[in-house]
Amino acid sequence: MTHEPAPGLSPDARELMAEIDAEVRARRAAGDIPAGFERELDALFARFSPSGTGDDFTTVLDRAEHDAFIDADPPLGSAKRGGLVVKKGVRAAVGWYLQYVTQQVATFGTMTVRAVRILGERVERLEAASGSAAVAAEAAKLAPSTPVAPFTPQIVARVTGAPGRVLHADAGTGELLVALADAGIDAYGVEPRDVALVPPADARLEIRADDVVGHLRAIADATLGAVVLSGVVDIAPVGELLELAQLVAAKVAPGGAMVVVSADPRSWGRGRSSVESDLAPGRPLHAETWVRLLSERGFRDVVVEDAPGPHVGGNDQPTHELDARVERLEAELFGREAYLVAGVRDRAS
C-alpha cells in the first residue's frame, strides 16, 4: 500500500512521485536497496552541497558575512560591437548612485551578521552555564529503559494496514522492527545512539542513526503510515515532546496511527539507574497528557492500554493470586510501570 504524495504538487508530479514510491517499495522488498542506503545518500549530498547550506551556525554566519559585500563595479567585457563603450557610459552615468546604494546595503548586512554573531555567542554562554547541550549529548547515550516487548502484540495490531511506512523511534536494536517485519509490515527505525555501539538484532533491519525530531523535520508531510514512539518519550524535555507530537501529526497520513509507549511518571525512579535519573533532561508524561496532545492534534479514537499481565485463574496456586494482588496494590500506590497510548489520524483533518 502506497502513501499519498505530498500536497502542493501538480497532477503530473504527484503521479511521478507515486510511481517512484511504488518502485522503491518493490526494490526494497526484493532486497535491491540495502539498509542504510538513504543515509549514505544524505552524507553524499552533504559532501557536495554548497558551503553554508548546512546546520553549522558558524559556517552559515561566515557565508552570510562574505555575501554581505556587494561589488558596485560590474564587468565591462562584451562580445558585441560597441558594447564596451556602452557599458563604460552606463557605469559613468550611474556609478555614483550604485556606490551610494551598495555601501548602505553592505553596511546593513555586515551589522546584521555581527548582531546575529553576538546573539549566538550569548546563547552559547547560556547553554554552557545550563549544561543543556552536554546533558542532551549524554542523554542520547542512554539506552531506553521502558521495554517495548510487552506491548508488541498491541503495537502490531495498531499499525497493521497503515497507509505507508511505519517509523519506530527510538528503535534501539530493532526488536520491534523484527516483529513488524514478521507481520509483513514495512517498517524502519531511527536511533540516536551510535549504531556501531548498538548493533541491530537483524542485519537486514533499516535503522538510521538520527534523532527522531531531526528526522521528522526532514521528511514531507503525510508520508508515514504510522509512528511508534518509545525511549525518547521517557527522557526528552517537555518542549521537545510537544514539538514531537506536532511533527508526528503532520507527517502521519490520514488514517495512519500514532503509538506512544512510555513509562508512568509515578514509577520513574523504580528499576532505573541513578545515571539515567541524573542525566535525563526530562521526565515521562502522564497518559492523560498524551491523550490530550493527540486529541488536540487531529487524532481520534485515542485509547490508553496497559501491557497484558499474567492471567490469574481459579486453579492458580495461592502464591500466584497473592503476587497478583501485590502487583495491583503496587500499581495503586506507585502507579503502573508503563502504558501505551494510541490514536488514528483523522481523515477529515
Protein backbone atom coordinates (compact mmCIF):
# COMPACT_ATOMS: atom_id res chain seq x y z
CA MET A 1 0.00 0.00 0.00
CA THR A 2 1.42 3.36 -1.01
CA HIS A 3 1.03 6.59 0.90
CA GLU A 4 -0.43 9.77 -0.53
CA PRO A 5 2.02 12.10 -2.35
CA ALA A 6 2.96 15.34 -0.66
CA PRO A 7 0.37 18.12 -1.12
CA GLY A 8 1.05 21.11 -3.33
CA LEU A 9 2.33 19.14 -6.34
CA SER A 10 0.89 19.21 -9.84
CA PRO A 11 -1.05 16.10 -11.00
CA ASP A 12 1.88 15.00 -13.20
CA ALA A 13 4.35 15.44 -10.34
CA ARG A 14 2.08 13.55 -7.95
CA GLU A 15 1.76 10.70 -10.45
CA LEU A 16 5.53 10.60 -10.88
CA MET A 17 6.07 10.58 -7.11
CA ALA A 18 3.59 7.72 -6.77
CA GLU A 19 5.45 5.72 -9.44
CA ILE A 20 8.79 6.37 -7.73
CA ASP A 21 7.30 5.36 -4.37
CA ALA A 22 5.97 2.11 -5.81
CA GLU A 23 9.31 1.31 -7.45
CA VAL A 24 11.23 1.99 -4.24
CA ARG A 25 8.88 -0.26 -2.27
CA ALA A 26 9.26 -3.05 -4.82
CA ARG A 27 13.05 -2.82 -4.86
CA ARG A 28 13.21 -2.62 -1.07
CA ALA A 29 11.04 -5.74 -0.78
CA ALA A 30 13.28 -7.52 -3.29
CA GLY A 31 16.39 -6.62 -1.29
CA ASP A 32 17.90 -4.43 -4.02
CA ILE A 33 18.16 -1.42 -1.68
CA PRO A 34 20.39 -2.24 1.31
CA ALA A 35 19.73 -0.86 4.79
CA GLY A 36 21.46 2.46 5.35
CA PHE A 37 21.47 3.37 1.64
CA GLU A 38 19.44 6.56 2.21
CA ARG A 39 21.84 7.60 4.98
CA GLU A 40 24.73 7.23 2.51
CA LEU A 41 22.88 9.46 0.05
CA ASP A 42 22.41 12.10 2.76
CA ALA A 43 26.13 12.03 3.53
CA LEU A 44 26.97 12.32 -0.17
CA PHE A 45 24.65 15.31 -0.55
CA ALA A 46 26.20 17.00 2.49
CA ARG A 47 29.65 16.47 0.99
CA PHE A 48 28.88 18.22 -2.30
CA SER A 49 26.24 20.74 -1.15
CA PRO A 50 27.22 24.43 -1.28
CA SER A 51 29.09 25.80 1.72
CA GLY A 52 26.89 27.48 4.27
CA THR A 53 23.74 25.48 3.49
CA GLY A 54 24.21 23.07 6.39
CA ASP A 55 23.29 23.30 10.05
CA ASP A 56 26.64 24.60 11.37
CA PHE A 57 25.93 28.03 12.86
CA THR A 58 29.43 29.46 12.42
CA THR A 59 29.71 28.29 8.81
CA VAL A 60 26.38 29.85 7.89
CA LEU A 61 27.36 33.16 9.51
CA ASP A 62 30.71 33.19 7.72
CA ARG A 63 28.94 32.64 4.41
CA ALA A 64 26.43 35.40 5.20
CA GLU A 65 29.22 37.81 6.12
CA HIS A 66 31.02 37.01 2.88
CA ASP A 67 27.85 37.56 0.83
CA ALA A 68 27.09 40.85 2.60
CA PHE A 69 29.68 42.58 0.41
CA ILE A 70 28.21 43.95 -2.83
CA ASP A 71 30.50 44.87 -5.72
CA ALA A 72 29.27 48.07 -7.38
CA ASP A 73 31.68 47.74 -10.33
CA PRO A 74 30.11 45.42 -12.93
CA PRO A 75 32.25 43.67 -15.55
CA LEU A 76 32.72 45.64 -18.77
CA GLY A 77 33.68 42.87 -21.17
CA SER A 78 31.41 42.45 -24.19
CA ALA A 79 31.41 40.34 -27.35
CA LYS A 80 29.22 42.83 -29.21
CA ARG A 81 30.50 45.76 -31.22
CA GLY A 82 30.25 48.91 -29.17
CA GLY A 83 29.32 47.00 -26.05
CA LEU A 84 32.39 48.10 -24.14
CA VAL A 85 31.70 51.75 -24.89
CA VAL A 86 28.06 51.48 -23.90
CA LYS A 87 28.87 49.73 -20.61
CA LYS A 88 31.51 52.30 -19.74
CA GLY A 89 28.99 55.05 -20.41
CA VAL A 90 26.34 53.41 -18.22
CA ARG A 91 28.85 52.91 -15.42
CA ALA A 92 29.98 56.53 -15.63
CA ALA A 93 26.36 57.71 -15.59
CA VAL A 94 25.02 55.65 -12.66
CA GLY A 95 28.20 54.56 -10.93
CA TRP A 96 27.95 57.17 -8.19
CA TYR A 97 24.37 56.10 -7.46
CA LEU A 98 25.26 52.38 -7.30
CA GLN A 99 28.17 53.11 -4.97
CA TYR A 100 25.87 55.07 -2.66
CA VAL A 101 23.23 52.32 -2.50
CA THR A 102 25.58 49.33 -2.27
CA GLN A 103 27.56 50.95 0.52
CA GLN A 104 24.44 51.29 2.65
CA VAL A 105 23.22 47.77 1.86
CA ALA A 106 26.63 46.25 2.60
CA THR A 107 26.84 48.16 5.88
CA PHE A 108 23.40 46.94 6.90
CA GLY A 109 24.24 43.32 6.01
CA THR A 110 27.54 43.41 7.89
CA MET A 111 25.95 44.89 11.01
CA THR A 112 23.11 42.35 10.87
CA VAL A 113 25.56 39.45 10.71
CA ARG A 114 27.53 40.99 13.57
CA ALA A 115 24.38 41.29 15.68
CA VAL A 116 23.47 37.63 15.00
CA ARG A 117 27.01 36.55 15.87
CA ILE A 118 26.83 38.39 19.22
CA LEU A 119 23.45 36.78 19.90
CA GLY A 120 24.89 33.37 19.05
CA GLU A 121 27.76 33.89 21.49
CA ARG A 122 25.27 34.77 24.25
CA VAL A 123 23.22 31.67 23.53
CA GLU A 124 26.36 29.53 23.66
CA ARG A 125 27.23 31.00 27.07
CA LEU A 126 23.71 30.27 28.33
CA GLU A 127 23.93 26.70 27.06
CA ALA A 128 27.31 26.26 28.69
CA ALA A 129 26.00 27.65 32.00
CA SER A 130 22.89 25.46 31.99
CA GLY A 131 24.67 22.44 30.58
CA SER A 132 21.71 21.74 28.28
CA ALA A 133 23.83 20.76 25.30
CA ALA A 134 26.04 18.47 27.39
CA VAL A 135 23.02 16.93 29.10
CA ALA A 136 21.36 16.28 25.75
CA ALA A 137 24.54 14.66 24.43
CA GLU A 138 24.82 12.40 27.47
CA ALA A 139 21.11 11.58 27.42
CA ALA A 140 21.43 10.45 23.81
CA LYS A 141 23.77 7.70 25.00
CA LEU A 142 21.22 6.25 27.43
CA ALA A 143 19.54 3.03 26.46
CA PRO A 144 15.72 3.03 26.59
CA SER A 145 14.68 1.65 29.96
CA THR A 146 10.99 1.06 29.20
CA PRO A 147 10.72 -2.27 27.34
CA VAL A 148 8.53 -2.31 24.24
CA ALA A 149 8.32 -6.10 24.07
CA PRO A 150 5.28 -6.43 26.41
CA PHE A 151 3.32 -4.12 24.09
CA THR A 152 4.43 -5.72 20.81
CA PRO A 153 1.12 -7.52 20.02
CA GLN A 154 -0.84 -4.33 20.65
CA ILE A 155 1.53 -2.25 18.51
CA VAL A 156 1.38 -4.73 15.62
CA ALA A 157 -2.42 -4.67 15.75
CA ARG A 158 -2.47 -0.86 15.77
CA VAL A 159 -0.19 -0.36 12.74
CA THR A 160 -1.37 -3.25 10.56
CA GLY A 161 -2.76 -1.82 7.33
CA ALA A 162 -1.03 1.52 7.81
CA PRO A 163 -1.17 3.77 4.71
CA GLY A 164 2.62 3.99 4.39
CA ARG A 165 5.86 3.02 6.10
CA VAL A 166 5.94 2.65 9.87
CA LEU A 167 8.60 4.53 11.84
CA HIS A 168 9.82 3.41 15.28
CA ALA A 169 11.85 5.80 17.42
CA ASP A 170 13.88 5.15 19.41
CA ALA A 171 14.42 1.82 17.71
CA GLY A 172 17.24 0.51 19.93
CA THR A 173 18.47 -2.76 18.46
CA GLY A 174 15.25 -3.22 16.50
CA GLU A 175 13.35 -5.98 18.28
CA LEU A 176 10.04 -4.29 17.48
CA LEU A 177 11.09 -3.89 13.83
CA VAL A 178 11.68 -7.65 13.67
CA ALA A 179 8.15 -8.30 14.94
CA LEU A 180 6.71 -5.80 12.46
CA ALA A 181 8.64 -7.37 9.58
CA ASP A 182 7.42 -10.83 10.62
CA ALA A 183 3.87 -9.44 10.41
CA GLY A 184 4.50 -8.21 6.86
CA ILE A 185 4.65 -4.53 7.83
CA ASP A 186 7.07 -2.19 6.03
CA ALA A 187 8.89 -0.51 8.92
CA TYR A 188 12.17 1.21 9.73
CA GLY A 189 13.67 2.89 12.77
CA VAL A 190 15.79 5.80 13.93
CA GLU A 191 18.16 5.54 16.88
CA PRO A 192 20.13 8.50 18.30
CA ARG A 193 22.85 6.32 19.77
CA ASP A 194 25.78 5.29 17.60
CA VAL A 195 24.66 2.23 15.64
CA ALA A 196 28.22 0.91 15.92
CA LEU A 197 27.66 0.68 19.68
CA VAL A 198 24.10 -0.62 19.26
CA PRO A 199 24.29 -3.46 16.72
CA PRO A 200 20.88 -4.30 15.25
CA ALA A 201 19.16 -7.53 16.20
CA ASP A 202 18.98 -8.41 12.49
CA ALA A 203 21.42 -7.19 9.83
CA ARG A 204 18.55 -6.72 7.40
CA LEU A 205 16.90 -4.07 9.56
CA GLU A 206 16.87 -0.47 8.40
CA ILE A 207 17.89 1.60 11.44
CA ARG A 208 19.18 5.11 10.81
CA ALA A 209 21.49 6.90 13.22
CA ASP A 210 19.42 10.02 13.80
CA ASP A 211 17.21 11.69 16.39
CA VAL A 212 13.51 11.47 15.71
CA VAL A 213 12.84 15.23 15.78
CA GLY A 214 15.51 15.97 13.19
CA HIS A 215 14.35 13.04 11.07
CA LEU A 216 10.70 14.11 11.08
CA ARG A 217 11.62 17.68 10.18
CA ALA A 218 13.41 16.43 7.07
CA ILE A 219 10.58 14.38 5.55
CA ALA A 220 7.47 15.57 3.72
CA ASP A 221 4.08 15.84 5.38
CA ALA A 222 1.61 12.93 5.29
CA THR A 223 4.23 10.42 4.12
CA LEU A 224 4.26 7.96 7.04
CA GLY A 225 1.69 5.30 7.72
CA ALA A 226 2.34 5.22 11.46
CA VAL A 227 4.82 6.36 14.09
CA VAL A 228 5.70 4.40 17.23
CA LEU A 229 7.48 6.42 19.93
CA SER A 230 9.38 4.88 22.83
CA GLY A 231 12.57 5.63 24.68
CA VAL A 232 12.76 9.29 23.70
CA VAL A 233 9.40 9.97 25.39
CA ASP A 234 10.89 8.94 28.73
CA ILE A 235 13.80 11.39 28.82
CA ALA A 236 13.09 14.29 26.44
CA PRO A 237 12.19 17.73 27.87
CA VAL A 238 8.58 18.87 27.66
CA GLY A 239 9.25 21.35 24.85
CA GLU A 240 10.71 18.62 22.67
CA LEU A 241 7.80 16.29 23.39
CA LEU A 242 5.30 18.98 22.36
CA GLU A 243 7.20 19.55 19.11
CA LEU A 244 7.39 15.81 18.58
CA ALA A 245 3.62 15.43 18.90
CA GLN A 246 3.11 18.26 16.39
CA LEU A 247 5.59 16.77 13.92
CA VAL A 248 4.05 13.31 14.09
CA ALA A 249 0.59 14.80 13.48
CA ALA A 250 1.95 16.49 10.34
CA LYS A 251 3.92 13.54 8.99
CA VAL A 252 1.37 10.74 9.50
CA ALA A 253 -1.02 10.31 6.59
CA PRO A 254 -4.79 10.40 7.19
CA GLY A 255 -5.89 7.05 8.54
CA GLY A 256 -2.44 6.36 9.96
CA ALA A 257 -1.65 5.73 13.62
CA MET A 258 0.46 7.22 16.38
CA VAL A 259 1.51 4.93 19.22
CA VAL A 260 3.34 6.04 22.37
CA VAL A 261 4.93 3.57 24.78
CA SER A 262 6.04 5.42 27.90
CA ALA A 263 6.99 4.84 31.49
CA ASP A 264 4.50 6.06 34.02
CA PRO A 265 5.96 9.15 35.76
CA ARG A 266 4.88 7.81 39.15
CA SER A 267 7.15 4.80 38.65
CA TRP A 268 10.01 6.71 37.03
CA GLY A 269 12.50 6.01 39.82
CA ARG A 270 11.82 2.29 40.06
CA GLY A 271 14.08 -0.01 38.11
CA ARG A 272 16.23 2.76 36.67
CA SER A 273 19.86 3.52 37.26
CA SER A 274 20.96 6.66 39.06
CA VAL A 275 22.89 7.65 35.92
CA GLU A 276 19.73 7.72 33.84
CA SER A 277 17.79 9.60 36.51
CA ASP A 278 20.53 12.22 36.87
CA LEU A 279 21.29 12.82 33.19
CA ALA A 280 17.81 12.69 31.68
CA PRO A 281 16.86 16.23 30.58
CA GLY A 282 13.16 15.45 31.08
CA ARG A 283 10.70 13.04 32.60
CA PRO A 284 7.87 10.96 31.08
CA LEU A 285 4.37 12.43 30.79
CA HIS A 286 1.20 11.03 32.27
CA ALA A 287 -1.01 9.01 29.95
CA GLU A 288 -3.76 11.63 30.25
CA THR A 289 -1.36 14.26 28.89
CA TRP A 290 -0.63 12.21 25.78
CA VAL A 291 -4.36 11.65 25.29
CA ARG A 292 -4.88 15.41 25.26
CA LEU A 293 -1.90 16.07 22.97
CA LEU A 294 -3.09 13.52 20.41
CA SER A 295 -6.74 14.58 20.58
CA GLU A 296 -5.86 18.24 20.03
CA ARG A 297 -3.73 17.39 17.01
CA GLY A 298 -6.26 15.56 14.90
CA PHE A 299 -6.14 12.02 16.27
CA ARG A 300 -9.37 10.19 17.03
CA ASP A 301 -10.20 7.01 18.95
CA VAL A 302 -7.36 7.76 21.38
CA VAL A 303 -7.04 4.99 23.97
CA VAL A 304 -4.78 4.11 26.89
CA GLU A 305 -3.74 0.49 27.36
CA ASP A 306 -1.59 -1.39 29.86
CA ALA A 307 0.73 -4.24 28.99
CA PRO A 308 -1.10 -7.56 29.21
CA GLY A 309 -0.29 -9.22 32.52
CA PRO A 310 -0.44 -12.84 33.63
CA HIS A 311 -3.94 -14.23 33.91
CA VAL A 312 -4.94 -15.30 37.42
CA GLY A 313 -7.40 -18.18 37.11
CA GLY A 314 -9.38 -20.17 39.66
CA ASN A 315 -6.93 -23.09 39.55
CA ASP A 316 -3.81 -21.00 40.18
CA GLN A 317 -1.76 -21.56 43.29
CA PRO A 318 -2.41 -19.21 46.25
CA THR A 319 1.04 -17.68 45.87
CA HIS A 320 0.17 -16.62 42.31
CA GLU A 321 -3.02 -14.99 43.50
CA LEU A 322 -1.11 -13.24 46.27
CA ASP A 323 1.50 -11.99 43.79
CA ALA A 324 -1.25 -10.62 41.56
CA ARG A 325 -2.83 -8.80 44.49
CA VAL A 326 0.54 -7.35 45.50
CA GLU A 327 1.09 -6.14 41.92
CA ARG A 328 -2.34 -4.48 41.90
CA LEU A 329 -1.60 -2.86 45.26
CA GLU A 330 1.75 -1.54 43.98
CA ALA A 331 0.04 -0.17 40.90
CA GLU A 332 -2.44 1.71 43.07
CA LEU A 333 0.25 3.07 45.40
CA PHE A 334 3.07 3.79 42.97
CA GLY A 335 1.47 3.73 39.52
CA ARG A 336 1.89 1.28 36.68
CA GLU A 337 5.31 0.67 35.21
CA ALA A 338 4.40 1.66 31.65
CA TYR A 339 1.45 2.34 29.37
CA LEU A 340 0.51 2.60 25.70
CA VAL A 341 -1.42 5.49 24.13
CA ALA A 342 -2.63 5.14 20.54
CA GLY A 343 -4.79 7.14 18.14
CA VAL A 344 -5.77 7.26 14.47
CA ARG A 345 -5.10 10.32 12.30
CA ASP A 346 -8.43 11.83 11.40
CA ARG A 347 -9.06 11.75 7.65
CA ALA A 348 -11.00 14.99 7.92
CA SER A 349 -8.08 16.94 9.48
